[in-house]
Amino acid sequence: MVKECEGKEEGAEILQWCAFGVWHLWKNRNSCVFQNKMESPMQMIDKNLVQGY
């Protein structure tokens, strides 16, 4: 997937969005494990869209 996106502006945006999506998944997992807080998948998607990633 990375090779297909190289040199394309929209490809870079997609990769950035995916990277931040995975980061939000990781942060949500840590909140669940360490603080016993859970965020719904839709809230995580909304955060990504609002932040522009």
C-alpha atoms as a PDB file:
ATOM      1  CA  MET A   1       0.000   0.000   0.000  1.00  0.00           C
ATOM      2  CA  VAL A   2       2.816   2.393   0.837  1.00  0.00           C
ATOM      3  CA  LYS A   3       4.489   1.842  -2.554  1.00  0.00           C
ATOM      4  CA  GLU A   4       1.231   2.637  -4.361  1.00  0.00           C
ATOM      5  CA  CYS A   5       0.887   5.935  -2.475  1.00  0.00           C
ATOM      6  CA  GLU A   6       4.433   7.167  -3.006  1.00  0.00           C
ATOM      7  CA  GLY A   7       4.624  10.421  -4.893  1.00  0.00           C
ATOM      8  CA  LYS A   8       0.888  11.035  -4.818  1.00  0.00           C
ATOM      9  CA  GLU A   9      -0.503  13.850  -2.720  1.00  0.00           C
ATOM     10  CA  GLU A  10      -3.793  12.073  -1.982  1.00  0.00           C
ATOM     11  CA  GLY A  11      -1.843   8.932  -1.102  1.00  0.00           C
ATOM     12  CA  ALA A  12       0.111  10.834   1.525  1.00  0.00           C
ATOM     13  CA  GLU A  13      -3.143  12.115   3.012  1.00  0.00           C
ATOM     14  CA  ILE A  14      -4.565   8.594   3.175  1.00  0.00           C
ATOM     15  CA  LEU A  15      -1.437   7.282   4.879  1.00  0.00           C
ATOM     16  CA  GLN A  16      -1.530  10.165   7.356  1.00  0.00           C
ATOM     17  CA  TRP A  17      -5.199   9.491   8.138  1.00  0.00           C
ATOM     18  CA  CYS A  18      -4.459   5.786   8.646  1.00  0.00           C
ATOM     19  CA  ALA A  19      -1.490   6.516  10.898  1.00  0.00           C
ATOM     20  CA  PHE A  20      -3.524   8.818  13.116  1.00  0.00           C
ATOM     21  CA  GLY A  21      -6.373   6.302  13.122  1.00  0.00           C
ATOM     22  CA  VAL A  22      -4.038   3.616  14.438  1.00  0.00           C
ATOM     23  CA  TRP A  23      -2.635   6.087  16.972  1.00  0.00           C
ATOM     24  CA  HIS A  24      -6.167   6.815  18.230  1.00  0.00           C
ATOM     25  CA  LEU A  25      -6.812   3.066  18.497  1.00  0.00           C
ATOM     26  CA  TRP A  26      -3.658   2.725  20.600  1.00  0.00           C
ATOM     27  CA  LYS A  27      -4.621   5.645  22.858  1.00  0.00           C
ATOM     28  CA  ASN A  28      -8.130   4.214  23.277  1.00  0.00           C
ATOM     29  CA  ARG A  29      -6.667   0.835  24.187  1.00  0.00           C
ATOM     30  CA  ASN A  30      -4.391   2.435  26.786  1.00  0.00           C
ATOM     31  CA  SER A  31      -7.278   4.414  28.290  1.00  0.00           C
ATOM     32  CA  CYS A  32      -9.302   1.216  28.534  1.00  0.00           C
ATOM     33  CA  VAL A  33      -6.481  -0.790  30.138  1.00  0.00           C
ATOM     34  CA  PHE A  34      -5.026   1.814  32.491  1.00  0.00           C
ATOM     35  CA  GLN A  35      -7.945   4.163  33.268  1.00  0.00           C
ATOM     36  CA  ASN A  36     -10.901   1.825  32.696  1.00  0.00           C
ATOM     37  CA  LYS A  37     -12.352   4.289  30.136  1.00  0.00           C
ATOM     38  CA  MET A  38     -13.754   3.128  26.826  1.00  0.00           C
ATOM     39  CA  GLU A  39     -14.536   5.213  23.766  1.00  0.00           C
ATOM     40  CA  SER A  40     -16.848   3.893  21.058  1.00  0.00           C
ATOM     41  CA  PRO A  41     -15.421   3.261  17.583  1.00  0.00           C
ATOM     42  CA  MET A  42     -17.716   5.958  16.169  1.00  0.00           C
ATOM     43  CA  GLN A  43     -16.319   8.521  18.621  1.00  0.00           C
ATOM     44  CA  MET A  44     -12.797   7.623  17.476  1.00  0.00           C
ATOM     45  CA  ILE A  45     -13.777   8.058  13.826  1.00  0.00           C
ATOM     46  CA  ASP A  46     -15.427  11.390  14.623  1.00  0.00           C
ATOM     47  CA  LYS A  47     -12.248  12.578  16.369  1.00  0.00           C
ATOM     48  CA  ASN A  48     -10.189  11.703  13.294  1.00  0.00           C
ATOM     49  CA  LEU A  49     -12.586  13.546  10.980  1.00  0.00           C
ATOM     50  CA  VAL A  50     -12.854  16.628  13.220  1.00  0.00           C
ATOM     51  CA  GLN A  51      -9.078  16.880  13.574  1.00  0.00           C
ATOM     52  CA  GLY A  52      -8.721  16.626   9.827  1.00  0.00           C
ATOM     53  CA  TYR A  53      -6.719  13.421   9.655  1.00  0.00           C
END
